[in-house]
Amino acid sequence: MPKEYVVIGLLALAGFLIGGVYSTWKTARGLAIILLILTVVTAGAALTWLL
């Protein structure tokens, strides 16, 4: 599998996670913060995988 597919998949996952952060921020801040941390880790993994 080419590494670009993995990077695109990780960035797509980060996009879904940031959408979860946006939708849960007003109701469940704790869950939103956990999702935000997962988003940062996923985006960092995508950049690391690309380099």
Protein backbone atom coordinates (compact mmCIF):
# COMPACT_ATOMS: atom_id res chain seq x y z
CA MET A 1 0.00 0.00 0.00
CA PRO A 2 1.48 3.37 -0.96
CA LYS A 3 2.18 5.64 1.99
CA GLU A 4 0.05 8.40 0.51
CA TYR A 5 -3.07 6.29 1.09
CA VAL A 6 -2.20 5.91 4.74
CA VAL A 7 -1.61 9.65 5.09
CA ILE A 8 -4.91 10.46 3.39
CA GLY A 9 -6.71 8.00 5.66
CA LEU A 10 -5.14 9.48 8.78
CA LEU A 11 -6.02 13.01 7.70
CA ALA A 12 -9.59 11.91 6.98
CA LEU A 13 -9.77 10.38 10.46
CA ALA A 14 -8.45 13.63 11.92
CA GLY A 15 -11.19 15.49 10.03
CA PHE A 16 -13.88 13.25 11.49
CA LEU A 17 -12.42 13.70 14.95
CA ILE A 18 -12.33 17.49 14.67
CA GLY A 19 -15.98 17.34 13.62
CA GLY A 20 -16.67 15.40 16.79
CA VAL A 21 -14.88 18.05 18.82
CA TYR A 22 -16.99 20.75 17.22
CA SER A 23 -20.26 18.95 17.80
CA THR A 24 -19.61 17.93 21.42
CA TRP A 25 -17.90 21.08 22.70
CA LYS A 26 -21.01 22.69 24.22
CA THR A 27 -22.48 19.56 25.78
CA ALA A 28 -19.56 17.37 26.83
CA ARG A 29 -16.33 19.32 27.21
CA GLY A 30 -14.43 16.38 28.67
CA LEU A 31 -15.17 14.18 25.68
CA ALA A 32 -14.38 17.07 23.34
CA ILE A 33 -10.95 17.51 24.91
CA ILE A 34 -10.23 13.80 24.55
CA LEU A 35 -11.28 13.96 20.90
CA LEU A 36 -9.08 17.02 20.42
CA ILE A 37 -6.07 15.17 21.81
CA LEU A 38 -6.80 12.23 19.49
CA THR A 39 -7.07 14.65 16.58
CA VAL A 40 -3.66 16.14 17.30
CA VAL A 41 -2.11 12.68 17.66
CA THR A 42 -3.68 11.51 14.40
CA ALA A 43 -2.59 14.58 12.46
CA GLY A 44 0.91 14.26 13.92
CA ALA A 45 1.03 10.61 12.89
CA ALA A 46 0.00 11.58 9.35
CA LEU A 47 2.78 14.16 9.11
CA THR A 48 5.32 11.77 10.60
CA TRP A 49 4.28 9.01 8.20
CA LEU A 50 4.59 11.40 5.26
CA LEU A 51 8.09 12.51 6.18
